[in-house]
Amino acid sequence: MDFDSQRIDEFIGRYGSDRSSLIQVLQDIQAEYNYIPKGALEYLAQALKVPFSEAYNVATFYEALSLTPKGRNHVCVCLGTACHVRGAQLILEKFERELGIEEGQTSEDGEYSLDRVGCLGSCALGPVITINGTYHGHMTMAKVDKVLKTAKAEEKDN
């Protein structure tokens, strides 16, 4: 079993056991496991009495949710229009080179995942990225090196 059913029951207990709590419970599962294990999705669908296909559709619709494991450090590069015109594609390519992975992949050691997102909602800060949910705006090639150095230093401290 790749999940703890009692833990999922705790999440359900926070929001209620009907379909209206589906998204909140999926977010909690994502936060707990860094992705949504298939077994957890099946268990949740059954517990909330929603068809598995509906739970699956919700889990795959939102970019913040993932059915594949993510690295301990999750890097998201915004490629919305405002960020794109300010060089976000070059920022993404720099992360790919530095991490040795392509967008949509996780490093072999499980430390880093790299994703592109359509919009992070911080257009005035573009190009913008997040690492583990922390926003870094006005990104430059030099700032990529700095944020990765900081992330790696924090990794060693933990």
N, C-alpha and C. Protein backbone atom coordinates (compact mmCIF):
# COMPACT_ATOMS: atom_id res chain seq x y z
N MET A 1 0.86 -1.18 0.00
CA MET A 1 0.00 0.00 0.00
C MET A 1 0.90 1.23 0.00
N ASP A 2 0.65 2.15 -0.91
CA ASP A 2 1.48 3.35 -1.05
C ASP A 2 0.89 4.57 -0.35
N PHE A 3 -0.05 4.32 0.57
CA PHE A 3 -0.66 5.41 1.32
C PHE A 3 -1.23 4.86 2.62
N ASP A 4 -1.55 5.75 3.53
CA ASP A 4 -2.10 5.39 4.83
C ASP A 4 -3.59 5.76 4.82
N SER A 5 -4.45 4.74 4.81
CA SER A 5 -5.88 5.01 4.72
C SER A 5 -6.39 5.78 5.94
N GLN A 6 -5.79 5.56 7.11
CA GLN A 6 -6.21 6.31 8.30
C GLN A 6 -5.91 7.80 8.13
N ARG A 7 -4.80 8.10 7.50
CA ARG A 7 -4.43 9.50 7.26
C ARG A 7 -5.44 10.14 6.31
N ILE A 8 -5.85 9.41 5.29
CA ILE A 8 -6.84 9.94 4.35
C ILE A 8 -8.18 10.15 5.06
N ASP A 9 -8.51 9.22 5.95
CA ASP A 9 -9.73 9.38 6.74
C ASP A 9 -9.67 10.65 7.60
N GLU A 10 -8.48 10.97 8.11
CA GLU A 10 -8.33 12.21 8.87
C GLU A 10 -8.61 13.42 7.98
N PHE A 11 -8.09 13.39 6.77
CA PHE A 11 -8.33 14.49 5.83
C PHE A 11 -9.83 14.61 5.54
N ILE A 12 -10.47 13.49 5.30
CA ILE A 12 -11.92 13.50 5.02
C ILE A 12 -12.67 14.06 6.22
N GLY A 13 -12.22 13.70 7.42
CA GLY A 13 -12.87 14.20 8.64
C GLY A 13 -12.82 15.71 8.77
N ARG A 14 -11.80 16.34 8.20
CA ARG A 14 -11.69 17.80 8.25
C ARG A 14 -12.77 18.49 7.43
N TYR A 15 -13.15 17.87 6.31
CA TYR A 15 -14.01 18.55 5.34
C TYR A 15 -15.38 17.93 5.15
N GLY A 16 -15.56 16.72 5.60
CA GLY A 16 -16.82 16.02 5.39
C GLY A 16 -16.67 14.94 4.35
N SER A 17 -17.57 13.99 4.40
CA SER A 17 -17.45 12.81 3.53
C SER A 17 -18.39 12.86 2.33
N ASP A 18 -18.47 14.01 1.70
CA ASP A 18 -19.26 14.08 0.46
C ASP A 18 -18.40 14.67 -0.65
N ARG A 19 -18.92 14.64 -1.84
CA ARG A 19 -18.15 15.04 -3.03
C ARG A 19 -17.63 16.48 -2.98
N SER A 20 -18.27 17.33 -2.20
CA SER A 20 -17.83 18.73 -2.14
C SER A 20 -16.45 18.87 -1.48
N SER A 21 -15.98 17.84 -0.79
CA SER A 21 -14.67 17.93 -0.14
C SER A 21 -13.56 17.32 -0.99
N LEU A 22 -13.88 16.87 -2.18
CA LEU A 22 -12.90 16.18 -3.03
C LEU A 22 -11.62 16.98 -3.24
N ILE A 23 -11.74 18.22 -3.67
CA ILE A 23 -10.56 19.02 -3.98
C ILE A 23 -9.72 19.27 -2.73
N GLN A 24 -10.35 19.60 -1.62
CA GLN A 24 -9.59 19.87 -0.40
C GLN A 24 -8.82 18.63 0.05
N VAL A 25 -9.47 17.47 -0.01
CA VAL A 25 -8.79 16.24 0.42
C VAL A 25 -7.66 15.90 -0.55
N LEU A 26 -7.88 16.10 -1.84
CA LEU A 26 -6.80 15.87 -2.81
C LEU A 26 -5.60 16.78 -2.52
N GLN A 27 -5.86 18.03 -2.15
CA GLN A 27 -4.77 18.95 -1.82
C GLN A 27 -4.01 18.46 -0.59
N ASP A 28 -4.73 17.94 0.40
CA ASP A 28 -4.07 17.42 1.60
C ASP A 28 -3.24 16.18 1.27
N ILE A 29 -3.76 15.31 0.42
CA ILE A 29 -3.01 14.12 0.00
C ILE A 29 -1.75 14.56 -0.73
N GLN A 30 -1.88 15.52 -1.63
CA GLN A 30 -0.74 16.04 -2.38
C GLN A 30 0.32 16.59 -1.41
N ALA A 31 -0.11 17.33 -0.42
CA ALA A 31 0.83 17.91 0.55
C ALA A 31 1.51 16.82 1.38
N GLU A 32 0.78 15.79 1.71
CA GLU A 32 1.31 14.70 2.54
C GLU A 32 2.33 13.84 1.80
N TYR A 33 2.02 13.46 0.56
CA TYR A 33 2.84 12.50 -0.17
C TYR A 33 3.68 13.12 -1.29
N ASN A 34 3.46 14.40 -1.55
CA ASN A 34 4.13 15.10 -2.64
C ASN A 34 3.62 14.65 -4.00
N TYR A 35 2.58 13.88 -4.01
CA TYR A 35 1.83 13.48 -5.19
C TYR A 35 0.60 12.74 -4.69
N ILE A 36 -0.26 12.29 -5.60
CA ILE A 36 -1.46 11.54 -5.21
C ILE A 36 -1.29 10.10 -5.68
N PRO A 37 -0.98 9.20 -4.75
CA PRO A 37 -0.86 7.78 -5.14
C PRO A 37 -2.18 7.25 -5.70
N LYS A 38 -2.09 6.37 -6.69
CA LYS A 38 -3.29 5.83 -7.32
C LYS A 38 -4.21 5.16 -6.29
N GLY A 39 -3.62 4.41 -5.39
CA GLY A 39 -4.42 3.74 -4.37
C GLY A 39 -5.16 4.73 -3.49
N ALA A 40 -4.53 5.84 -3.18
CA ALA A 40 -5.17 6.87 -2.37
C ALA A 40 -6.33 7.50 -3.12
N LEU A 41 -6.16 7.69 -4.42
CA LEU A 41 -7.23 8.26 -5.25
C LEU A 41 -8.42 7.30 -5.30
N GLU A 42 -8.13 6.02 -5.46
CA GLU A 42 -9.20 5.00 -5.47
C GLU A 42 -9.92 4.97 -4.12
N TYR A 43 -9.15 4.97 -3.04
CA TYR A 43 -9.73 4.95 -1.70
C TYR A 43 -10.61 6.18 -1.47
N LEU A 44 -10.11 7.34 -1.85
CA LEU A 44 -10.85 8.58 -1.67
C LEU A 44 -12.16 8.56 -2.46
N ALA A 45 -12.10 8.13 -3.71
CA ALA A 45 -13.31 8.08 -4.53
C ALA A 45 -14.37 7.19 -3.88
N GLN A 46 -13.93 6.06 -3.39
CA GLN A 46 -14.86 5.14 -2.73
C GLN A 46 -15.42 5.76 -1.44
N ALA A 47 -14.54 6.38 -0.65
CA ALA A 47 -14.96 6.97 0.62
C ALA A 47 -15.95 8.12 0.42
N LEU A 48 -15.76 8.89 -0.65
CA LEU A 48 -16.65 10.03 -0.90
C LEU A 48 -17.83 9.66 -1.79
N LYS A 49 -17.85 8.39 -2.21
CA LYS A 49 -18.93 7.89 -3.07
C LYS A 49 -19.04 8.68 -4.38
N VAL A 50 -17.87 8.92 -4.98
CA VAL A 50 -17.83 9.54 -6.31
C VAL A 50 -17.19 8.54 -7.26
N PRO A 51 -17.58 8.55 -8.52
CA PRO A 51 -16.94 7.64 -9.47
C PRO A 51 -15.43 7.92 -9.54
N PHE A 52 -14.65 6.87 -9.69
CA PHE A 52 -13.20 7.03 -9.80
C PHE A 52 -12.86 7.97 -10.94
N SER A 53 -13.61 7.89 -12.05
CA SER A 53 -13.32 8.75 -13.20
C SER A 53 -13.46 10.23 -12.83
N GLU A 54 -14.40 10.57 -11.97
CA GLU A 54 -14.57 11.95 -11.55
C GLU A 54 -13.39 12.40 -10.69
N ALA A 55 -12.99 11.55 -9.75
CA ALA A 55 -11.84 11.88 -8.89
C ALA A 55 -10.58 12.02 -9.75
N TYR A 56 -10.42 11.13 -10.70
CA TYR A 56 -9.27 11.17 -11.60
C TYR A 56 -9.27 12.46 -12.43
N ASN A 57 -10.43 12.82 -12.97
CA ASN A 57 -10.54 14.05 -13.77
C ASN A 57 -10.15 15.29 -12.96
N VAL A 58 -10.59 15.36 -11.71
CA VAL A 58 -10.24 16.50 -10.86
C VAL A 58 -8.74 16.49 -10.57
N ALA A 59 -8.20 15.31 -10.25
CA ALA A 59 -6.78 15.21 -9.90
C ALA A 59 -5.87 15.55 -11.07
N THR A 60 -6.33 15.34 -12.29
CA THR A 60 -5.50 15.63 -13.45
C THR A 60 -5.78 17.00 -14.06
N PHE A 61 -6.87 17.64 -13.65
CA PHE A 61 -7.23 18.95 -14.19
C PHE A 61 -6.35 20.05 -13.61
N TYR A 62 -6.11 20.02 -12.31
CA TYR A 62 -5.39 21.09 -11.63
C TYR A 62 -3.89 20.85 -11.69
N GLU A 63 -3.14 21.88 -12.12
CA GLU A 63 -1.69 21.77 -12.23
C GLU A 63 -1.02 21.58 -10.88
N ALA A 64 -1.64 21.99 -9.81
CA ALA A 64 -1.05 21.85 -8.48
C ALA A 64 -1.09 20.41 -7.98
N LEU A 65 -1.89 19.58 -8.63
CA LEU A 65 -2.01 18.18 -8.24
C LEU A 65 -1.25 17.31 -9.23
N SER A 66 -0.68 16.23 -8.73
CA SER A 66 0.10 15.34 -9.59
C SER A 66 -0.13 13.89 -9.22
N LEU A 67 -0.25 13.04 -10.21
CA LEU A 67 -0.37 11.60 -9.99
C LEU A 67 0.98 10.91 -10.07
N THR A 68 2.02 11.66 -10.34
CA THR A 68 3.37 11.09 -10.36
C THR A 68 4.20 11.75 -9.26
N PRO A 69 5.08 10.98 -8.66
CA PRO A 69 5.89 11.53 -7.56
C PRO A 69 6.71 12.74 -8.02
N LYS A 70 6.78 13.71 -7.15
CA LYS A 70 7.58 14.91 -7.38
C LYS A 70 8.79 14.86 -6.47
N GLY A 71 9.82 15.61 -6.84
CA GLY A 71 11.02 15.69 -6.03
C GLY A 71 10.76 16.44 -4.72
N ARG A 72 11.69 16.28 -3.80
CA ARG A 72 11.56 17.01 -2.53
C ARG A 72 11.54 18.51 -2.77
N ASN A 73 12.21 18.96 -3.81
CA ASN A 73 12.22 20.36 -4.20
C ASN A 73 11.52 20.48 -5.55
N HIS A 74 10.40 21.17 -5.54
CA HIS A 74 9.57 21.28 -6.74
C HIS A 74 9.70 22.69 -7.31
N VAL A 75 10.29 22.78 -8.50
CA VAL A 75 10.51 24.05 -9.17
C VAL A 75 9.44 24.21 -10.26
N CYS A 76 8.74 25.32 -10.23
CA CYS A 76 7.75 25.64 -11.27
C CYS A 76 8.16 26.95 -11.93
N VAL A 77 8.23 26.93 -13.25
CA VAL A 77 8.57 28.12 -14.02
C VAL A 77 7.32 28.59 -14.74
N CYS A 78 6.92 29.82 -14.50
CA CYS A 78 5.74 30.37 -15.15
C CYS A 78 6.07 30.71 -16.61
N LEU A 79 5.22 30.24 -17.50
CA LEU A 79 5.37 30.57 -18.91
C LEU A 79 4.12 31.24 -19.44
N GLY A 80 3.39 31.93 -18.55
CA GLY A 80 2.28 32.74 -18.99
C GLY A 80 2.79 33.87 -19.87
N THR A 81 1.92 34.58 -20.51
CA THR A 81 2.31 35.59 -21.48
C THR A 81 3.28 36.62 -20.90
N ALA A 82 2.96 37.19 -19.75
CA ALA A 82 3.82 38.24 -19.17
C ALA A 82 5.22 37.70 -18.87
N CYS A 83 5.30 36.49 -18.37
CA CYS A 83 6.61 35.90 -18.06
C CYS A 83 7.33 35.47 -19.34
N HIS A 84 6.58 34.92 -20.26
CA HIS A 84 7.18 34.46 -21.52
C HIS A 84 7.87 35.60 -22.26
N VAL A 85 7.19 36.74 -22.38
CA VAL A 85 7.79 37.85 -23.13
C VAL A 85 8.99 38.45 -22.40
N ARG A 86 9.14 38.12 -21.13
CA ARG A 86 10.29 38.61 -20.36
C ARG A 86 11.39 37.57 -20.22
N GLY A 87 11.33 36.51 -21.03
CA GLY A 87 12.43 35.55 -21.08
C GLY A 87 12.28 34.30 -20.24
N ALA A 88 11.06 33.94 -19.86
CA ALA A 88 10.86 32.77 -19.01
C ALA A 88 11.34 31.47 -19.66
N GLN A 89 11.24 31.37 -20.99
CA GLN A 89 11.70 30.15 -21.66
C GLN A 89 13.20 29.94 -21.42
N LEU A 90 13.97 31.02 -21.46
CA LEU A 90 15.41 30.92 -21.19
C LEU A 90 15.67 30.52 -19.74
N ILE A 91 14.85 31.01 -18.82
CA ILE A 91 14.96 30.64 -17.41
C ILE A 91 14.68 29.14 -17.26
N LEU A 92 13.63 28.66 -17.91
CA LEU A 92 13.31 27.22 -17.87
C LEU A 92 14.47 26.40 -18.40
N GLU A 93 15.05 26.81 -19.52
CA GLU A 93 16.17 26.08 -20.11
C GLU A 93 17.38 26.08 -19.18
N LYS A 94 17.60 27.17 -18.47
CA LYS A 94 18.70 27.24 -17.50
C LYS A 94 18.48 26.24 -16.37
N PHE A 95 17.26 26.16 -15.85
CA PHE A 95 16.95 25.17 -14.82
C PHE A 95 17.17 23.75 -15.35
N GLU A 96 16.76 23.49 -16.59
CA GLU A 96 16.96 22.16 -17.17
C GLU A 96 18.45 21.80 -17.19
N ARG A 97 19.27 22.74 -17.61
CA ARG A 97 20.73 22.48 -17.65
C ARG A 97 21.30 22.27 -16.25
N GLU A 98 20.93 23.14 -15.32
CA GLU A 98 21.50 23.07 -13.98
C GLU A 98 21.05 21.83 -13.22
N LEU A 99 19.80 21.41 -13.43
CA LEU A 99 19.28 20.25 -12.71
C LEU A 99 19.50 18.94 -13.45
N GLY A 100 19.84 19.03 -14.73
CA GLY A 100 20.07 17.83 -15.52
C GLY A 100 18.80 17.06 -15.83
N ILE A 101 17.67 17.77 -15.83
CA ILE A 101 16.39 17.16 -16.16
C ILE A 101 15.63 18.10 -17.09
N GLU A 102 14.65 17.54 -17.79
CA GLU A 102 13.79 18.37 -18.63
C GLU A 102 12.52 18.70 -17.88
N GLU A 103 11.83 19.71 -18.35
CA GLU A 103 10.57 20.10 -17.74
C GLU A 103 9.64 18.90 -17.76
N GLY A 104 8.95 18.71 -16.64
CA GLY A 104 8.06 17.56 -16.48
C GLY A 104 8.73 16.35 -15.87
N GLN A 105 10.02 16.45 -15.57
CA GLN A 105 10.75 15.31 -15.03
C GLN A 105 11.16 15.54 -13.58
N THR A 106 11.54 14.43 -12.95
CA THR A 106 12.09 14.44 -11.60
C THR A 106 13.48 13.85 -11.67
N SER A 107 14.42 14.43 -10.94
CA SER A 107 15.79 13.92 -10.95
C SER A 107 15.83 12.50 -10.41
N GLU A 108 16.82 11.74 -10.85
CA GLU A 108 16.94 10.34 -10.44
C GLU A 108 17.04 10.18 -8.93
N ASP A 109 17.67 11.14 -8.25
CA ASP A 109 17.82 11.05 -6.80
C ASP A 109 16.56 11.50 -6.06
N GLY A 110 15.54 11.96 -6.80
CA GLY A 110 14.28 12.38 -6.19
C GLY A 110 14.34 13.72 -5.50
N GLU A 111 15.42 14.47 -5.71
CA GLU A 111 15.56 15.75 -5.03
C GLU A 111 14.83 16.89 -5.74
N TYR A 112 14.77 16.87 -7.08
CA TYR A 112 14.20 17.99 -7.82
C TYR A 112 13.19 17.53 -8.87
N SER A 113 12.13 18.29 -8.98
CA SER A 113 11.18 18.18 -10.09
C SER A 113 11.11 19.55 -10.74
N LEU A 114 10.89 19.56 -12.03
CA LEU A 114 10.83 20.81 -12.78
C LEU A 114 9.58 20.81 -13.64
N ASP A 115 8.75 21.81 -13.47
CA ASP A 115 7.52 21.91 -14.25
C ASP A 115 7.35 23.31 -14.78
N ARG A 116 6.66 23.40 -15.92
CA ARG A 116 6.22 24.69 -16.45
C ARG A 116 4.76 24.82 -16.06
N VAL A 117 4.36 26.04 -15.78
CA VAL A 117 2.96 26.31 -15.46
C VAL A 117 2.47 27.45 -16.34
N GLY A 118 1.18 27.49 -16.58
CA GLY A 118 0.59 28.49 -17.46
C GLY A 118 0.57 29.88 -16.85
N CYS A 119 0.39 29.96 -15.53
CA CYS A 119 0.38 31.26 -14.88
C CYS A 119 0.46 31.04 -13.37
N LEU A 120 1.30 31.81 -12.72
CA LEU A 120 1.40 31.77 -11.27
C LEU A 120 0.69 32.95 -10.61
N GLY A 121 0.07 33.79 -11.44
CA GLY A 121 -0.72 34.89 -10.91
C GLY A 121 0.09 36.04 -10.35
N SER A 122 1.33 36.15 -10.75
CA SER A 122 2.20 37.24 -10.28
C SER A 122 2.86 37.92 -11.47
N CYS A 123 2.04 38.33 -12.42
CA CYS A 123 2.54 38.85 -13.69
C CYS A 123 3.48 40.04 -13.52
N ALA A 124 3.24 40.88 -12.53
CA ALA A 124 4.10 42.05 -12.33
C ALA A 124 5.51 41.66 -11.89
N LEU A 125 5.68 40.43 -11.40
CA LEU A 125 6.99 39.96 -10.95
C LEU A 125 7.73 39.17 -12.02
N GLY A 126 7.15 39.03 -13.21
CA GLY A 126 7.69 38.17 -14.25
C GLY A 126 9.07 38.56 -14.73
N PRO A 127 9.83 37.57 -15.15
CA PRO A 127 9.49 36.15 -15.04
C PRO A 127 9.57 35.68 -13.59
N VAL A 128 8.63 34.79 -13.23
CA VAL A 128 8.52 34.33 -11.85
C VAL A 128 8.59 32.80 -11.82
N ILE A 129 9.18 32.30 -10.73
CA ILE A 129 9.23 30.86 -10.50
C ILE A 129 8.83 30.61 -9.05
N THR A 130 8.50 29.37 -8.76
CA THR A 130 8.34 28.97 -7.36
C THR A 130 9.24 27.78 -7.10
N ILE A 131 9.76 27.72 -5.90
CA ILE A 131 10.45 26.53 -5.42
C ILE A 131 9.76 26.17 -4.11
N ASN A 132 9.13 25.00 -4.12
CA ASN A 132 8.39 24.53 -2.94
C ASN A 132 7.37 25.57 -2.47
N GLY A 133 6.75 26.23 -3.44
CA GLY A 133 5.70 27.19 -3.12
C GLY A 133 6.17 28.60 -2.80
N THR A 134 7.48 28.81 -2.69
CA THR A 134 8.02 30.14 -2.42
C THR A 134 8.26 30.85 -3.75
N TYR A 135 7.71 32.05 -3.88
CA TYR A 135 7.81 32.81 -5.12
C TYR A 135 9.15 33.55 -5.21
N HIS A 136 9.70 33.53 -6.42
CA HIS A 136 10.92 34.28 -6.73
C HIS A 136 10.64 35.05 -8.01
N GLY A 137 10.57 36.38 -7.90
CA GLY A 137 10.22 37.19 -9.05
C GLY A 137 11.42 37.85 -9.71
N HIS A 138 11.13 38.46 -10.86
CA HIS A 138 12.15 39.15 -11.66
C HIS A 138 13.36 38.25 -11.87
N MET A 139 13.11 36.99 -12.25
CA MET A 139 14.17 36.00 -12.40
C MET A 139 15.11 36.37 -13.54
N THR A 140 16.37 36.10 -13.29
CA THR A 140 17.43 36.26 -14.30
C THR A 140 18.23 34.97 -14.29
N MET A 141 19.13 34.84 -15.26
CA MET A 141 19.98 33.65 -15.30
C MET A 141 20.82 33.56 -14.01
N ALA A 142 21.34 34.68 -13.55
CA ALA A 142 22.15 34.69 -12.33
C ALA A 142 21.32 34.30 -11.11
N LYS A 143 20.05 34.74 -11.08
CA LYS A 143 19.20 34.40 -9.95
C LYS A 143 18.89 32.91 -9.90
N VAL A 144 18.87 32.25 -11.06
CA VAL A 144 18.65 30.80 -11.08
C VAL A 144 19.74 30.13 -10.24
N ASP A 145 20.98 30.52 -10.47
CA ASP A 145 22.09 29.95 -9.71
C ASP A 145 21.92 30.21 -8.21
N LYS A 146 21.49 31.42 -7.86
CA LYS A 146 21.34 31.78 -6.45
C LYS A 146 20.23 30.97 -5.77
N VAL A 147 19.07 30.85 -6.43
CA VAL A 147 17.98 30.12 -5.78
C VAL A 147 18.30 28.64 -5.67
N LEU A 148 19.01 28.08 -6.64
CA LEU A 148 19.40 26.67 -6.54
C LEU A 148 20.45 26.48 -5.44
N LYS A 149 21.36 27.41 -5.32
CA LYS A 149 22.37 27.33 -4.26
C LYS A 149 21.70 27.37 -2.89
N THR A 150 20.72 28.25 -2.75
CA THR A 150 19.98 28.36 -1.49
C THR A 150 19.21 27.07 -1.21
N ALA A 151 18.54 26.54 -2.22
CA ALA A 151 17.78 25.30 -2.05
C ALA A 151 18.69 24.15 -1.65
N LYS A 152 19.86 24.07 -2.28
CA LYS A 152 20.80 22.99 -1.98
C LYS A 152 21.37 23.16 -0.57
N ALA A 153 21.59 24.39 -0.14
CA ALA A 153 22.09 24.63 1.21
C ALA A 153 21.04 24.23 2.26
N GLU A 154 19.78 24.56 1.98
CA GLU A 154 18.69 24.19 2.88
C GLU A 154 18.54 22.67 2.93
N GLU A 155 18.77 22.03 1.81
CA GLU A 155 18.71 20.58 1.72
C GLU A 155 19.73 19.94 2.65
N LYS A 156 20.95 20.49 2.67
CA LYS A 156 22.02 19.96 3.52
C LYS A 156 21.71 20.17 4.99
N ASP A 157 21.02 21.28 5.31
CA ASP A 157 20.67 21.58 6.71
C ASP A 157 19.59 20.66 7.25
N ASN A 158 18.79 20.10 6.35
CA ASN A 158 17.67 19.23 6.80
C ASN A 158 18.07 17.83 6.87
